[in-house]
PDB file of N, CA and C in Angstrom:
ATOM      1  N   UNK A   1      -7.943  -4.469 -42.232  1.00  0.00           N
ATOM      2  CA  UNK A   1      -6.511  -5.017 -42.225  1.00  0.00           C
ATOM      3  C   UNK A   1      -5.433  -3.983 -41.802  1.00  0.00           C
ATOM      4  N   UNK A   2      -5.481  -2.774 -41.960  1.00  0.00           N
ATOM      5  CA  UNK A   2      -4.539  -1.918 -41.272  1.00  0.00           C
ATOM      6  C   UNK A   2      -4.820  -1.653 -39.619  1.00  0.00           C
ATOM      7  N   UNK A   3      -6.040  -1.824 -39.213  1.00  0.00           N
ATOM      8  CA  UNK A   3      -6.099  -1.976 -37.848  1.00  0.00           C
ATOM      9  C   UNK A   3      -5.503  -3.296 -37.123  1.00  0.00           C
ATOM     10  N   UNK A   4      -5.353  -4.217 -37.723  1.00  0.00           N
ATOM     11  CA  UNK A   4      -5.140  -5.279 -37.195  1.00  0.00           C
ATOM     12  C   UNK A   4      -3.687  -5.591 -37.581  1.00  0.00           C
ATOM     13  N   UNK A   5      -2.819  -4.790 -38.210  1.00  0.00           N
ATOM     14  CA  UNK A   5      -1.292  -4.825 -38.516  1.00  0.00           C
ATOM     15  C   UNK A   5      -1.065  -3.386 -37.362  1.00  0.00           C
ATOM     16  N   UNK A   6      -1.729  -2.757 -37.171  1.00  0.00           N
ATOM     17  CA  UNK A   6      -1.250  -1.628 -36.429  1.00  0.00           C
ATOM     18  C   UNK A   6      -1.327  -2.365 -34.799  1.00  0.00           C
ATOM     19  N   UNK A   7      -2.465  -3.247 -34.573  1.00  0.00           N
ATOM     20  CA  UNK A   7      -2.312  -3.801 -32.885  1.00  0.00           C
ATOM     21  C   UNK A   7      -1.583  -4.706 -32.802  1.00  0.00           C
ATOM     22  N   UNK A   8      -0.925  -5.534 -33.978  1.00  0.00           N
ATOM     23  CA  UNK A   8       0.197  -6.548 -33.604  1.00  0.00           C
ATOM     24  C   UNK A   8       1.440  -5.714 -33.563  1.00  0.00           C
ATOM     25  N   UNK A   9       1.467  -4.391 -34.279  1.00  0.00           N
ATOM     26  CA  UNK A   9       2.709  -3.576 -34.112  1.00  0.00           C
ATOM     27  C   UNK A   9       2.906  -3.154 -32.745  1.00  0.00           C
ATOM     28  N   UNK A  10       1.726  -2.335 -31.945  1.00  0.00           N
ATOM     29  CA  UNK A  10       1.568  -2.151 -30.862  1.00  0.00           C
ATOM     30  C   UNK A  10       1.980  -3.315 -29.776  1.00  0.00           C
ATOM     31  N   UNK A  11       1.571  -4.500 -30.107  1.00  0.00           N
ATOM     32  CA  UNK A  11       1.551  -5.711 -29.046  1.00  0.00           C
ATOM     33  C   UNK A  11       3.329  -5.957 -29.047  1.00  0.00           C
ATOM     34  N   UNK A  12       3.856  -6.054 -30.292  1.00  0.00           N
ATOM     35  CA  UNK A  12       5.429  -6.516 -30.607  1.00  0.00           C
ATOM     36  C   UNK A  12       5.985  -5.300 -29.622  1.00  0.00           C
ATOM     37  N   UNK A  13       5.883  -4.243 -29.967  1.00  0.00           N
ATOM     38  CA  UNK A  13       6.529  -3.094 -29.040  1.00  0.00           C
ATOM     39  C   UNK A  13       6.394  -3.285 -27.457  1.00  0.00           C
ATOM     40  N   UNK A  14       5.164  -3.578 -27.198  1.00  0.00           N
ATOM     41  CA  UNK A  14       5.122  -3.580 -25.726  1.00  0.00           C
ATOM     42  C   UNK A  14       5.795  -4.987 -25.275  1.00  0.00           C
ATOM     43  N   UNK A  15       5.790  -6.026 -25.764  1.00  0.00           N
ATOM     44  CA  UNK A  15       6.939  -7.625 -25.625  1.00  0.00           C
ATOM     45  C   UNK A  15       7.859  -6.826 -25.669  1.00  0.00           C
ATOM     46  N   UNK A  16       8.598  -6.176 -26.517  1.00  0.00           N
ATOM     47  CA  UNK A  16       9.835  -5.839 -26.540  1.00  0.00           C
ATOM     48  C   UNK A  16      10.368  -4.819 -25.233  1.00  0.00           C
ATOM     49  N   UNK A  17       9.723  -3.864 -25.028  1.00  0.00           N
ATOM     50  CA  UNK A  17       9.689  -2.951 -23.892  1.00  0.00           C
ATOM     51  C   UNK A  17       9.854  -3.878 -22.807  1.00  0.00           C
ATOM     52  N   UNK A  18       8.788  -4.947 -22.410  1.00  0.00           N
ATOM     53  CA  UNK A  18       8.844  -5.564 -21.272  1.00  0.00           C
ATOM     54  C   UNK A  18      10.122  -6.468 -21.097  1.00  0.00           C
ATOM     55  N   UNK A  19      10.602  -6.938 -21.979  1.00  0.00           N
ATOM     56  CA  UNK A  19      11.468  -7.754 -22.377  1.00  0.00           C
ATOM     57  C   UNK A  19      13.237  -7.044 -21.994  1.00  0.00           C
ATOM     58  N   UNK A  20      12.908  -5.733 -22.498  1.00  0.00           N
ATOM     59  CA  UNK A  20      14.154  -5.111 -22.078  1.00  0.00           C
ATOM     60  C   UNK A  20      14.298  -4.581 -20.452  1.00  0.00           C
ATOM     61  N   UNK A  21      13.005  -4.275 -20.137  1.00  0.00           N
ATOM     62  CA  UNK A  21      12.823  -3.945 -18.621  1.00  0.00           C
ATOM     63  C   UNK A  21      13.241  -5.026 -17.888  1.00  0.00           C
ATOM     64  N   UNK A  22      12.848  -6.258 -18.042  1.00  0.00           N
ATOM     65  CA  UNK A  22      13.064  -7.351 -17.227  1.00  0.00           C
ATOM     66  C   UNK A  22      14.692  -7.800 -17.102  1.00  0.00           C
ATOM     67  N   UNK A  23      15.135  -7.406 -18.186  1.00  0.00           N
ATOM     68  CA  UNK A  23      16.695  -7.453 -18.584  1.00  0.00           C
ATOM     69  C   UNK A  23      17.273  -6.361 -17.674  1.00  0.00           C
ATOM     70  N   UNK A  24      16.794  -5.383 -17.686  1.00  0.00           N
ATOM     71  CA  UNK A  24      17.442  -4.702 -16.931  1.00  0.00           C
ATOM     72  C   UNK A  24      17.510  -4.386 -15.425  1.00  0.00           C
ATOM     73  N   UNK A  25      16.137  -5.089 -15.029  1.00  0.00           N
ATOM     74  CA  UNK A  25      15.947  -5.490 -13.400  1.00  0.00           C
ATOM     75  C   UNK A  25      17.103  -6.455 -13.013  1.00  0.00           C
ATOM     76  N   UNK A  26      16.838  -7.485 -14.281  1.00  0.00           N
ATOM     77  CA  UNK A  26      18.034  -8.744 -13.563  1.00  0.00           C
ATOM     78  C   UNK A  26      19.449  -8.298 -13.541  1.00  0.00           C
ATOM     79  N   UNK A  27      19.947  -7.623 -14.380  1.00  0.00           N
ATOM     80  CA  UNK A  27      21.139  -7.125 -14.353  1.00  0.00           C
ATOM     81  C   UNK A  27      21.809  -6.380 -13.030  1.00  0.00           C
ATOM     82  N   UNK A  28      20.581  -5.403 -12.956  1.00  0.00           N
ATOM     83  CA  UNK A  28      20.788  -4.587 -11.576  1.00  0.00           C
ATOM     84  C   UNK A  28      20.781  -5.635 -10.346  1.00  0.00           C
ATOM     85  N   UNK A  29      19.778  -6.507 -10.466  1.00  0.00           N
ATOM     86  CA  UNK A  29      20.059  -7.385  -9.027  1.00  0.00           C
ATOM     87  C   UNK A  29      21.024  -8.180  -8.982  1.00  0.00           C
ATOM     88  N   UNK A  30      22.029  -8.594 -10.316  1.00  0.00           N
ATOM     89  CA  UNK A  30      22.969  -9.892 -10.280  1.00  0.00           C
ATOM     90  C   UNK A  30      24.322  -8.949  -9.741  1.00  0.00           C
ATOM     91  N   UNK A  31      24.274  -7.371 -10.189  1.00  0.00           N
ATOM     92  CA  UNK A  31      25.572  -7.086  -9.625  1.00  0.00           C
ATOM     93  C   UNK A  31      25.668  -7.040  -8.200  1.00  0.00           C
ATOM     94  N   UNK A  32      26.837  -7.435  -7.896  1.00  0.00           N
ATOM     95  CA  UNK A  32      27.269  -7.109  -6.233  1.00  0.00           C
ATOM     96  C   UNK A  32      28.001  -5.998  -5.982  1.00  0.00           C
ATOM     97  N   UNK A  33      28.405  -5.905  -4.681  1.00  0.00           N
ATOM     98  CA  UNK A  33      28.918  -4.702  -4.159  1.00  0.00           C
ATOM     99  C   UNK A  33      30.329  -4.839  -4.695  1.00  0.00           C
ATOM    100  N   UNK A  34      30.961  -5.995  -4.868  1.00  0.00           N
ATOM    101  CA  UNK A  34      32.364  -6.345  -5.047  1.00  0.00           C
ATOM    102  C   UNK A  34      32.935  -5.690  -6.658  1.00  0.00           C
ATOM    103  N   UNK A  35      31.770  -5.656  -7.313  1.00  0.00           N
ATOM    104  CA  UNK A  35      31.958  -5.264  -8.747  1.00  0.00           C
ATOM    105  C   UNK A  35      32.277  -3.966  -8.722  1.00  0.00           C
ATOM    106  N   UNK A  36      31.839  -3.163  -7.558  1.00  0.00           N
ATOM    107  CA  UNK A  36      32.244  -1.676  -7.714  1.00  0.00           C
ATOM    108  C   UNK A  36      33.484  -1.377  -6.928  1.00  0.00           C
ATOM    109  N   UNK A  37      34.138  -0.711  -7.936  1.00  0.00           N
ATOM    110  CA  UNK A  37      35.993  -0.417  -7.347  1.00  0.00           C
ATOM    111  C   UNK A  37      35.752   1.044  -6.488  1.00  0.00           C
ATOM    112  N   UNK A  38      34.449   1.292  -6.089  1.00  0.00           N
ATOM    113  CA  UNK A  38      34.510   2.465  -5.216  1.00  0.00           C
ATOM    114  C   UNK A  38      34.400   2.074  -3.735  1.00  0.00           C
ATOM    115  N   UNK A  39      33.964   1.088  -3.699  1.00  0.00           N
ATOM    116  CA  UNK A  39      34.058   0.188  -2.326  1.00  0.00           C
ATOM    117  C   UNK A  39      35.147   0.077  -1.958  1.00  0.00           C
ATOM    118  N   UNK A  40      36.107   0.269  -2.508  1.00  0.00           N
ATOM    119  CA  UNK A  40      37.571  -0.224  -2.091  1.00  0.00           C
ATOM    120  C   UNK A  40      38.146   1.250  -1.240  1.00  0.00           C
ATOM    121  N   UNK A  41      38.497   0.701   0.123  1.00  0.00           N
ATOM    122  CA  UNK A  41      38.976   1.887   1.014  1.00  0.00           C
ATOM    123  C   UNK A  41      39.965   2.922   0.664  1.00  0.00           C
ATOM    124  N   UNK A  42      40.561   2.106  -0.557  1.00  0.00           N
ATOM    125  CA  UNK A  42      41.800   3.225  -1.227  1.00  0.00           C
ATOM    126  C   UNK A  42      41.210   4.099  -1.813  1.00  0.00           C
ATOM    127  N   UNK A  43      40.033   4.288  -2.132  1.00  0.00           N
ATOM    128  CA  UNK A  43      39.293   4.919  -2.820  1.00  0.00           C
ATOM    129  C   UNK A  43      38.701   6.245  -2.328  1.00  0.00           C
ATOM    130  N   UNK A  44      39.092   6.192  -0.842  1.00  0.00           N
ATOM    131  CA  UNK A  44      38.801   7.284  -0.123  1.00  0.00           C
ATOM    132  C   UNK A  44      37.352   7.538   0.161  1.00  0.00           C
ATOM    133  N   UNK A  45      36.748   8.702  -0.184  1.00  0.00           N
ATOM    134  CA  UNK A  45      35.048   8.986   0.133  1.00  0.00           C
ATOM    135  C   UNK A  45      34.470   8.380  -0.787  1.00  0.00           C
ATOM    136  N   UNK A  46      34.912   7.934  -1.910  1.00  0.00           N
ATOM    137  CA  UNK A  46      33.986   7.380  -3.296  1.00  0.00           C
ATOM    138  C   UNK A  46      33.571   8.249  -4.142  1.00  0.00           C
ATOM    139  N   UNK A  47      33.751   9.906  -3.647  1.00  0.00           N
ATOM    140  CA  UNK A  47      33.456  10.537  -4.764  1.00  0.00           C
ATOM    141  C   UNK A  47      34.561  11.158  -5.411  1.00  0.00           C
ATOM    142  N   UNK A  48      35.118  10.831  -6.661  1.00  0.00           N
ATOM    143  CA  UNK A  48      36.422  10.829  -7.384  1.00  0.00           C
ATOM    144  C   UNK A  48      36.375  11.621  -8.611  1.00  0.00           C
ATOM    145  N   UNK A  49      37.140  12.459  -9.074  1.00  0.00           N
ATOM    146  CA  UNK A  49      37.407  12.719 -10.398  1.00  0.00           C
ATOM    147  C   UNK A  49      38.428  12.324 -11.295  1.00  0.00           C
ATOM    148  N   UNK A  50      38.391  12.480 -12.452  1.00  0.00           N
ATOM    149  CA  UNK A  50      39.903  11.822 -13.195  1.00  0.00           C
ATOM    150  C   UNK A  50      40.241  13.514 -13.418  1.00  0.00           C
ATOM    151  N   UNK A  51      41.254  13.974 -13.495  1.00  0.00           N
ATOM    152  CA  UNK A  51      41.963  15.096 -13.784  1.00  0.00           C
ATOM    153  C   UNK A  51      42.883  14.737 -15.380  1.00  0.00           C
ATOM    154  N   UNK A  52      42.662  15.131 -16.046  1.00  0.00           N
ATOM    155  CA  UNK A  52      42.996  14.907 -17.832  1.00  0.00           C
ATOM    156  C   UNK A  52      44.362  15.274 -17.713  1.00  0.00           C
ATOM    157  N   UNK A  53      44.688  16.674 -17.557  1.00  0.00           N
ATOM    158  CA  UNK A  53      46.162  17.276 -17.302  1.00  0.00           C
ATOM    159  C   UNK A  53      47.216  16.568 -16.664  1.00  0.00           C
ATOM    160  N   UNK A  54      46.628  16.022 -15.459  1.00  0.00           N
ATOM    161  CA  UNK A  54      47.855  15.429 -14.701  1.00  0.00           C
ATOM    162  C   UNK A  54      47.559  14.059 -14.742  1.00  0.00           C
ATOM    163  N   UNK A  55      46.579  13.297 -15.325  1.00  0.00           N
ATOM    164  CA  UNK A  55      46.622  11.800 -15.530  1.00  0.00           C
ATOM    165  C   UNK A  55      46.342  11.376 -14.300  1.00  0.00           C
ATOM    166  N   UNK A  56      45.682  11.717 -13.175  1.00  0.00           N
ATOM    167  CA  UNK A  56      45.214  11.157 -12.028  1.00  0.00           C
ATOM    168  C   UNK A  56      44.318  11.147 -11.587  1.00  0.00           C
ATOM    169  N   UNK A  57      43.563  10.225 -10.664  1.00  0.00           N
ATOM    170  CA  UNK A  57      42.325  10.320 -10.408  1.00  0.00           C
ATOM    171  C   UNK A  57      42.212  10.808  -8.390  1.00  0.00           C
ATOM    172  N   UNK A  58      41.354  11.678  -8.461  1.00  0.00           N
ATOM    173  CA  UNK A  58      41.609  12.352  -7.140  1.00  0.00           C
ATOM    174  C   UNK A  58      40.001  12.235  -5.975  1.00  0.00           C
ATOM    175  N   UNK A  59      40.567  12.106  -4.883  1.00  0.00           N
ATOM    176  CA  UNK A  59      39.542  11.960  -4.292  1.00  0.00           C
ATOM    177  C   UNK A  59      38.759  13.538  -3.961  1.00  0.00           C
ATOM    178  N   UNK A  60      37.428  13.825  -4.177  1.00  0.00           N
ATOM    179  CA  UNK A  60      36.972  15.213  -4.296  1.00  0.00           C
ATOM    180  C   UNK A  60      36.801  15.537  -2.932  1.00  0.00           C
ATOM    181  N   UNK A  61      36.534  14.735  -1.797  1.00  0.00           N
ATOM    182  CA  UNK A  61      36.568  15.206  -0.422  1.00  0.00           C
ATOM    183  C   UNK A  61      38.010  15.718   0.197  1.00  0.00           C
ATOM    184  N   UNK A  62      39.089  15.293  -0.230  1.00  0.00           N
ATOM    185  CA  UNK A  62      40.239  15.761   0.297  1.00  0.00           C
ATOM    186  C   UNK A  62      41.275  16.118  -0.831  1.00  0.00           C
ATOM    187  N   UNK A  63      41.036  15.924  -1.684  1.00  0.00           N
ATOM    188  CA  UNK A  63      41.853  16.376  -3.147  1.00  0.00           C
ATOM    189  C   UNK A  63      43.225  15.421  -3.219  1.00  0.00           C
ATOM    190  N   UNK A  64      43.037  14.285  -2.627  1.00  0.00           N
ATOM    191  CA  UNK A  64      44.184  13.288  -2.314  1.00  0.00           C
ATOM    192  C   UNK A  64      44.296  12.526  -3.834  1.00  0.00           C
ATOM    193  N   UNK A  65      45.388  12.040  -4.199  1.00  0.00           N
ATOM    194  CA  UNK A  65      45.916  11.073  -5.238  1.00  0.00           C
ATOM    195  C   UNK A  65      44.955   9.681  -4.839  1.00  0.00           C
ATOM    196  N   UNK A  66      44.287   8.991  -5.664  1.00  0.00           N
ATOM    197  CA  UNK A  66      43.640   7.704  -5.355  1.00  0.00           C
ATOM    198  C   UNK A  66      44.123   6.736  -6.378  1.00  0.00           C
ATOM    199  N   UNK A  67      44.076   5.616  -6.306  1.00  0.00           N
ATOM    200  CA  UNK A  67      44.686   4.848  -7.375  1.00  0.00           C
ATOM    201  C   UNK A  67      43.641   4.999  -8.603  1.00  0.00           C
ATOM    202  N   UNK A  68      44.165   4.733  -9.943  1.00  0.00           N
ATOM    203  CA  UNK A  68      43.401   4.838 -11.072  1.00  0.00           C
ATOM    204  C   UNK A  68      41.978   3.958 -11.330  1.00  0.00           C
ATOM    205  N   UNK A  69      41.924   2.853 -10.851  1.00  0.00           N
ATOM    206  CA  UNK A  69      40.910   2.224 -10.652  1.00  0.00           C
ATOM    207  C   UNK A  69      39.560   2.686 -10.316  1.00  0.00           C
ATOM    208  N   UNK A  70      39.987   3.693  -9.458  1.00  0.00           N
ATOM    209  CA  UNK A  70      38.759   4.448  -8.546  1.00  0.00           C
ATOM    210  C   UNK A  70      37.893   4.879  -9.556  1.00  0.00           C
ATOM    211  N   UNK A  71      38.686   5.631 -10.714  1.00  0.00           N
ATOM    212  CA  UNK A  71      38.010   6.516 -11.854  1.00  0.00           C
ATOM    213  C   UNK A  71      37.805   5.835 -12.895  1.00  0.00           C
ATOM    214  N   UNK A  72      37.916   4.282 -12.839  1.00  0.00           N
ATOM    215  CA  UNK A  72      37.617   3.237 -14.036  1.00  0.00           C
ATOM    216  C   UNK A  72      38.630   3.465 -15.083  1.00  0.00           C
ATOM    217  N   UNK A  73      40.023   3.658 -14.785  1.00  0.00           N
ATOM    218  CA  UNK A  73      40.844   3.701 -15.633  1.00  0.00           C
ATOM    219  C   UNK A  73      41.576   2.347 -15.544  1.00  0.00           C
TER     220      UNK A  73
END
């Protein structure tokens, strides 16, 4: 009986992993470029950092201030 319940538990874990993997792939495929704020030309190079002390978002390429939405704020 122990072997049977262990096999069932292993099968359930495998099915749950496959469902999680399929959901992850589905979500990645349904995301569009428009969902990414870094594709906006106002965000500069796209490599941005949030400076907590100043409360601004800066483009790391040229250190210019860019809109806060580029840093997800």
